[in-house]
C-alpha atoms as a PDB file:
ATOM      1  CA  MET A   1       7.882  18.915 -16.014  1.00  0.00           C
ATOM      2  CA  LEU A   2       5.160  16.266 -16.113  1.00  0.00           C
ATOM      3  CA  HIS A   3       6.011  12.645 -15.473  1.00  0.00           C
ATOM      4  CA  ARG A   4       4.311   9.678 -17.076  1.00  0.00           C
ATOM      5  CA  GLY A   5       0.846   9.118 -15.555  1.00  0.00           C
ATOM      6  CA  GLN A   6       0.498  12.715 -14.353  1.00  0.00           C
ATOM      7  CA  GLU A   7      -1.675  15.484 -15.577  1.00  0.00           C
ATOM      8  CA  SER A   8      -1.598  19.182 -14.950  1.00  0.00           C
ATOM      9  CA  THR A   9      -4.675  21.092 -13.895  1.00  0.00           C
ATOM     10  CA  ASP A  10      -4.285  22.786 -17.293  1.00  0.00           C
ATOM     11  CA  GLY A  11      -4.457  19.399 -19.049  1.00  0.00           C
ATOM     12  CA  PRO A  12      -1.615  17.243 -20.378  1.00  0.00           C
ATOM     13  CA  GLY A  13       1.498  19.321 -20.985  1.00  0.00           C
ATOM     14  CA  GLY A  14       0.140  22.340 -19.093  1.00  0.00           C
ATOM     15  CA  GLU A  15       2.064  24.336 -16.520  1.00  0.00           C
ATOM     16  CA  GLY A  16      -0.581  24.201 -13.740  1.00  0.00           C
ATOM     17  CA  LEU A  17      -0.561  22.164 -10.542  1.00  0.00           C
ATOM     18  CA  VAL A  18       0.591  18.582 -11.193  1.00  0.00           C
ATOM     19  CA  VAL A  19      -1.983  16.014 -10.055  1.00  0.00           C
ATOM     20  CA  PRO A  20      -0.568  12.688  -8.793  1.00  0.00           C
ATOM     21  CA  MET A  21      -2.954  10.532 -10.819  1.00  0.00           C
ATOM     22  CA  ALA A  22      -0.981   7.274 -10.542  1.00  0.00           C
ATOM     23  CA  TRP A  23      -0.907   7.454  -6.745  1.00  0.00           C
ATOM     24  CA  PHE A  24      -4.574   8.461  -6.489  1.00  0.00           C
ATOM     25  CA  TYR A  25      -5.540   5.591  -8.765  1.00  0.00           C
ATOM     26  CA  ALA A  26      -3.506   3.070  -6.720  1.00  0.00           C
ATOM     27  CA  GLU A  27      -5.110   4.380  -3.533  1.00  0.00           C
ATOM     28  CA  TYR A  28      -8.582   4.165  -5.106  1.00  0.00           C
ATOM     29  CA  ILE A  29      -8.062   0.534  -6.168  1.00  0.00           C
ATOM     30  CA  ALA A  30      -6.770  -0.391  -2.702  1.00  0.00           C
ATOM     31  CA  ASP A  31      -9.694   1.370  -1.031  1.00  0.00           C
ATOM     32  CA  GLU A  32     -12.227  -0.422  -3.241  1.00  0.00           C
ATOM     33  CA  LEU A  33     -10.632  -3.820  -2.629  1.00  0.00           C
ATOM     34  CA  LEU A  34     -10.719  -3.330   1.142  1.00  0.00           C
ATOM     35  CA  ARG A  35     -14.263  -1.976   1.155  1.00  0.00           C
ATOM     36  CA  THR A  36     -15.440  -4.912  -0.969  1.00  0.00           C
ATOM     37  CA  GLY A  37     -13.772  -7.330   1.457  1.00  0.00           C
ATOM     38  CA  ASP A  38     -15.540  -5.625   4.391  1.00  0.00           C
ATOM     39  CA  LEU A  39     -12.707  -6.634   6.719  1.00  0.00           C
ATOM     40  CA  MET A  40     -12.471  -3.518   8.881  1.00  0.00           C
ATOM     41  CA  PRO A  41     -14.450  -0.349   9.407  1.00  0.00           C
ATOM     42  CA  PRO A  42     -13.197   2.214   6.848  1.00  0.00           C
ATOM     43  CA  THR A  43     -12.583   4.712   9.658  1.00  0.00           C
ATOM     44  CA  SER A  44     -10.149   2.457  11.557  1.00  0.00           C
ATOM     45  CA  PHE A  45      -6.371   2.706  11.600  1.00  0.00           C
ATOM     46  CA  GLU A  46      -6.267  -0.952  10.578  1.00  0.00           C
ATOM     47  CA  PHE A  47      -8.201  -0.120   7.407  1.00  0.00           C
ATOM     48  CA  ARG A  48      -5.820   2.750   6.668  1.00  0.00           C
ATOM     49  CA  ALA A  49      -2.841   0.456   7.189  1.00  0.00           C
ATOM     50  CA  GLY A  50      -4.331  -2.090   4.793  1.00  0.00           C
ATOM     51  CA  ARG A  51      -5.245   0.530   2.208  1.00  0.00           C
ATOM     52  CA  ASP A  52      -1.829   2.176   2.375  1.00  0.00           C
ATOM     53  CA  ALA A  53       0.110  -1.109   2.181  1.00  0.00           C
ATOM     54  CA  LEU A  54      -1.988  -2.228  -0.763  1.00  0.00           C
ATOM     55  CA  ALA A  55      -1.791   1.168  -2.511  1.00  0.00           C
ATOM     56  CA  LEU A  56       1.981   1.161  -2.119  1.00  0.00           C
ATOM     57  CA  THR A  57       2.119  -2.355  -3.581  1.00  0.00           C
ATOM     58  CA  ILE A  58      -0.081  -1.381  -6.526  1.00  0.00           C
ATOM     59  CA  PHE A  59       1.877   1.815  -7.177  1.00  0.00           C
ATOM     60  CA  LEU A  60       5.320   0.203  -6.946  1.00  0.00           C
ATOM     61  CA  ALA A  61       4.302  -2.827  -9.026  1.00  0.00           C
ATOM     62  CA  ASP A  62       3.531  -0.489 -11.931  1.00  0.00           C
ATOM     63  CA  THR A  63       6.950  -0.692 -13.539  1.00  0.00           C
ATOM     64  CA  HIS A  64       5.837   0.521 -16.964  1.00  0.00           C
ATOM     65  CA  GLY A  65       3.867   3.638 -15.982  1.00  0.00           C
ATOM     66  CA  GLU A  66       0.578   2.103 -17.089  1.00  0.00           C
ATOM     67  CA  LEU A  67      -1.352   2.442 -13.826  1.00  0.00           C
ATOM     68  CA  SER A  68      -4.033   4.776 -15.119  1.00  0.00           C
ATOM     69  CA  GLY A  69      -4.890   2.288 -17.873  1.00  0.00           C
ATOM     70  CA  ILE A  70      -4.582  -0.831 -15.726  1.00  0.00           C
ATOM     71  CA  ARG A  71      -7.177  -3.545 -15.655  1.00  0.00           C
ATOM     72  CA  VAL A  72      -7.431  -4.619 -12.030  1.00  0.00           C
ATOM     73  CA  VAL A  73      -8.281  -8.238 -12.779  1.00  0.00           C
ATOM     74  CA  THR A  74      -5.088  -8.749 -14.800  1.00  0.00           C
ATOM     75  CA  GLN A  75      -2.935  -7.557 -11.884  1.00  0.00           C
ATOM     76  CA  LEU A  76      -4.527  -9.462  -8.987  1.00  0.00           C
ATOM     77  CA  GLU A  77      -2.085 -12.409  -9.198  1.00  0.00           C
ATOM     78  CA  THR A  78       0.902 -10.060  -9.157  1.00  0.00           C
ATOM     79  CA  TRP A  79      -0.423  -8.214  -6.104  1.00  0.00           C
ATOM     80  CA  LEU A  80      -1.248 -11.508  -4.364  1.00  0.00           C
ATOM     81  CA  SER A  81       2.277 -12.802  -4.873  1.00  0.00           C
ATOM     82  CA  LEU A  82       3.832  -9.541  -3.644  1.00  0.00           C
ATOM     83  CA  THR A  83       1.704  -9.430  -0.477  1.00  0.00           C
ATOM     84  CA  ALA A  84       1.965 -13.146   0.388  1.00  0.00           C
ATOM     85  CA  TYR A  85       3.064 -14.025   3.916  1.00  0.00           C
ATOM     86  CA  ASP A  86       6.255 -15.783   2.879  1.00  0.00           C
ATOM     87  CA  GLN A  87       7.514 -12.865   0.773  1.00  0.00           C
ATOM     88  CA  HIS A  88       9.833 -10.116   1.985  1.00  0.00           C
ATOM     89  CA  TRP A  89       7.470  -7.291   1.080  1.00  0.00           C
ATOM     90  CA  GLN A  90       9.256  -4.630   3.121  1.00  0.00           C
ATOM     91  CA  ASP A  91      12.563  -5.406   1.385  1.00  0.00           C
ATOM     92  CA  TRP A  92      10.863  -5.242  -2.016  1.00  0.00           C
ATOM     93  CA  VAL A  93       9.277  -1.878  -1.117  1.00  0.00           C
ATOM     94  CA  ARG A  94      12.579  -0.504   0.176  1.00  0.00           C
ATOM     95  CA  THR A  95      14.400  -1.573  -3.010  1.00  0.00           C
ATOM     96  CA  ARG A  96      11.715  -0.137  -5.330  1.00  0.00           C
ATOM     97  CA  MET A  97      11.561   3.125  -3.347  1.00  0.00           C
ATOM     98  CA  GLU A  98      15.361   3.499  -3.466  1.00  0.00           C
ATOM     99  CA  ARG A  99      15.331   2.912  -7.215  1.00  0.00           C
ATOM    100  CA  LEU A 100      12.524   5.411  -7.802  1.00  0.00           C
ATOM    101  CA  THR A 101      14.033   8.103  -5.587  1.00  0.00           C
ATOM    102  CA  THR A 102      17.441   7.618  -7.231  1.00  0.00           C
ATOM    103  CA  ASP A 103      15.817   7.964 -10.654  1.00  0.00           C
ATOM    104  CA  ALA A 104      13.982  11.076  -9.391  1.00  0.00           C
ATOM    105  CA  ASP A 105      17.288  12.705  -8.457  1.00  0.00           C
ATOM    106  CA  GLY A 106      18.021  13.023 -12.165  1.00  0.00           C
ATOM    107  CA  PRO A 107      16.493  15.493 -14.627  1.00  0.00           C
ATOM    108  CA  GLY A 108      12.921  16.435 -13.781  1.00  0.00           C
ATOM    109  CA  GLY A 109      13.308  15.665 -10.084  1.00  0.00           C
ATOM    110  CA  SER A 110      10.726  14.127  -7.818  1.00  0.00           C
ATOM    111  CA  SER A 111       7.054  13.780  -8.628  1.00  0.00           C
ATOM    112  CA  PRO A 112       3.927  14.279  -6.515  1.00  0.00           C
ATOM    113  CA  ASP A 113       3.158  10.550  -6.985  1.00  0.00           C
ATOM    114  CA  LEU A 114       6.535   9.569  -5.561  1.00  0.00           C
ATOM    115  CA  ASP A 115       6.249  12.132  -2.756  1.00  0.00           C
ATOM    116  CA  LEU A 116       2.949  10.567  -1.644  1.00  0.00           C
ATOM    117  CA  ALA A 117       4.420   7.058  -1.877  1.00  0.00           C
ATOM    118  CA  VAL A 118       7.417   8.108   0.252  1.00  0.00           C
ATOM    119  CA  ALA A 119       5.133   9.678   2.876  1.00  0.00           C
ATOM    120  CA  THR A 120       2.958   6.562   2.932  1.00  0.00           C
ATOM    121  CA  TRP A 121       5.950   4.251   3.353  1.00  0.00           C
ATOM    122  CA  ARG A 122       7.202   6.444   6.198  1.00  0.00           C
ATOM    123  CA  TRP A 123       3.773   6.264   7.925  1.00  0.00           C
ATOM    124  CA  LEU A 124       3.587   2.483   7.488  1.00  0.00           C
ATOM    125  CA  ARG A 125       7.088   2.007   8.968  1.00  0.00           C
ATOM    126  CA  GLU A 126       6.939   4.538  11.803  1.00  0.00           C
ATOM    127  CA  THR A 127       3.365   4.154  13.009  1.00  0.00           C
ATOM    128  CA  GLU A 128       2.730   1.326  15.428  1.00  0.00           C
ATOM    129  CA  LEU A 129      -0.691  -0.131  16.107  1.00  0.00           C
ATOM    130  CA  LEU A 130      -1.739  -2.264  19.066  1.00  0.00           C
ATOM    131  CA  ALA A 131      -2.777  -5.590  17.593  1.00  0.00           C
ATOM    132  CA  PRO A 132      -3.271  -9.194  18.671  1.00  0.00           C
ATOM    133  CA  ASP A 133       0.029 -11.038  18.913  1.00  0.00           C
ATOM    134  CA  LEU A 134      -0.261 -13.409  15.980  1.00  0.00           C
ATOM    135  CA  ASP A 135       3.000 -15.086  16.970  1.00  0.00           C
ATOM    136  CA  ALA A 136       1.822 -15.963  20.500  1.00  0.00           C
ATOM    137  CA  VAL A 137       1.511 -19.662  21.081  1.00  0.00           C
ATOM    138  CA  PRO A 138      -1.525 -20.566  23.209  1.00  0.00           C
ATOM    139  CA  GLY A 139      -0.803 -22.738  26.263  1.00  0.00           C
ATOM    140  CA  ASP A 140      -2.816 -25.736  27.407  1.00  0.00           C
ATOM    141  CA  GLY A 141      -5.889 -23.633  28.117  1.00  0.00           C
ATOM    142  CA  PRO A 142      -8.541 -22.415  25.714  1.00  0.00           C
ATOM    143  CA  VAL A 143      -7.546 -19.987  22.979  1.00  0.00           C
ATOM    144  CA  PRO A 144      -8.328 -16.503  24.331  1.00  0.00           C
ATOM    145  CA  ASP A 145     -10.789 -14.216  22.620  1.00  0.00           C
ATOM    146  CA  GLU A 146      -9.133 -11.631  20.355  1.00  0.00           C
ATOM    147  CA  ASP A 147      -9.889  -8.907  22.912  1.00  0.00           C
ATOM    148  CA  ASP A 148      -8.474 -10.961  25.814  1.00  0.00           C
ATOM    149  CA  GLY A 149      -5.365 -12.351  24.162  1.00  0.00           C
ATOM    150  CA  PRO A 150      -1.880 -10.863  24.197  1.00  0.00           C
ATOM    151  CA  LYS A 151      -1.345  -7.697  22.193  1.00  0.00           C
ATOM    152  CA  VAL A 152       1.808  -6.141  20.846  1.00  0.00           C
ATOM    153  CA  TRP A 153       2.730  -2.856  19.211  1.00  0.00           C
ATOM    154  CA  THR A 154       3.482  -3.585  15.602  1.00  0.00           C
ATOM    155  CA  PRO A 155       4.418  -1.421  12.606  1.00  0.00           C
ATOM    156  CA  ALA A 156       1.334  -0.510  10.577  1.00  0.00           C
ATOM    157  CA  TRP A 157       2.622  -2.335   7.496  1.00  0.00           C
ATOM    158  CA  ARG A 158       2.757  -5.652   9.402  1.00  0.00           C
ATOM    159  CA  LEU A 159      -0.946  -5.345  10.152  1.00  0.00           C
ATOM    160  CA  GLY A 160      -1.987  -3.760   6.859  1.00  0.00           C
ATOM    161  CA  LEU A 161      -0.215  -6.164   4.532  1.00  0.00           C
ATOM    162  CA  PRO A 162      -2.205  -9.293   5.492  1.00  0.00           C
ATOM    163  CA  LEU A 163      -5.422  -7.261   5.341  1.00  0.00           C
ATOM    164  CA  GLY A 164      -4.577  -6.135   1.834  1.00  0.00           C
ATOM    165  CA  HIS A 165      -3.674  -9.682   0.825  1.00  0.00           C
ATOM    166  CA  LEU A 166      -6.943 -11.037   2.209  1.00  0.00           C
ATOM    167  CA  ALA A 167      -8.922  -8.269   0.482  1.00  0.00           C
ATOM    168  CA  ILE A 168      -7.408  -9.314  -2.856  1.00  0.00           C
ATOM    169  CA  HIS A 169      -8.415 -12.931  -2.179  1.00  0.00           C
ATOM    170  CA  LEU A 170     -11.974 -11.879  -1.375  1.00  0.00           C
ATOM    171  CA  PHE A 171     -12.307  -9.798  -4.546  1.00  0.00           C
END
């Protein structure tokens, strides 16, 4: 069974392999935003964290199944508000994922789009990256260089989310 936003390799309504078009489109938008912002090398784990956090935001914000027809410019404010520092992004993601997986337990089951979103959320939560400690308060001395300052292991989403937010601002 095809879900909204998906196409089969045999075309709409076909019985071939189901292509997760909504997820691929969200990932493409996130990738383009980060590349345009030129914040990190595209081969870095930090870039992946930013792309994945932003793709998950874009995918989960699509509450009407319109992602493939979305106009990026009209959604920028929504994505900015969802990724803002003072928001509880991880709680929002958890709630949306629970709702989508509960809905997927009904007729038709899960979708390849949702499966990729679940795997991405798992990677963002379980993968830790060594990053500068943004919460460290410098003492009386000079502020250390990024490479010399304190570093902490942090979940990938905590590093990727501000990168995604900044990339949206720079767009």
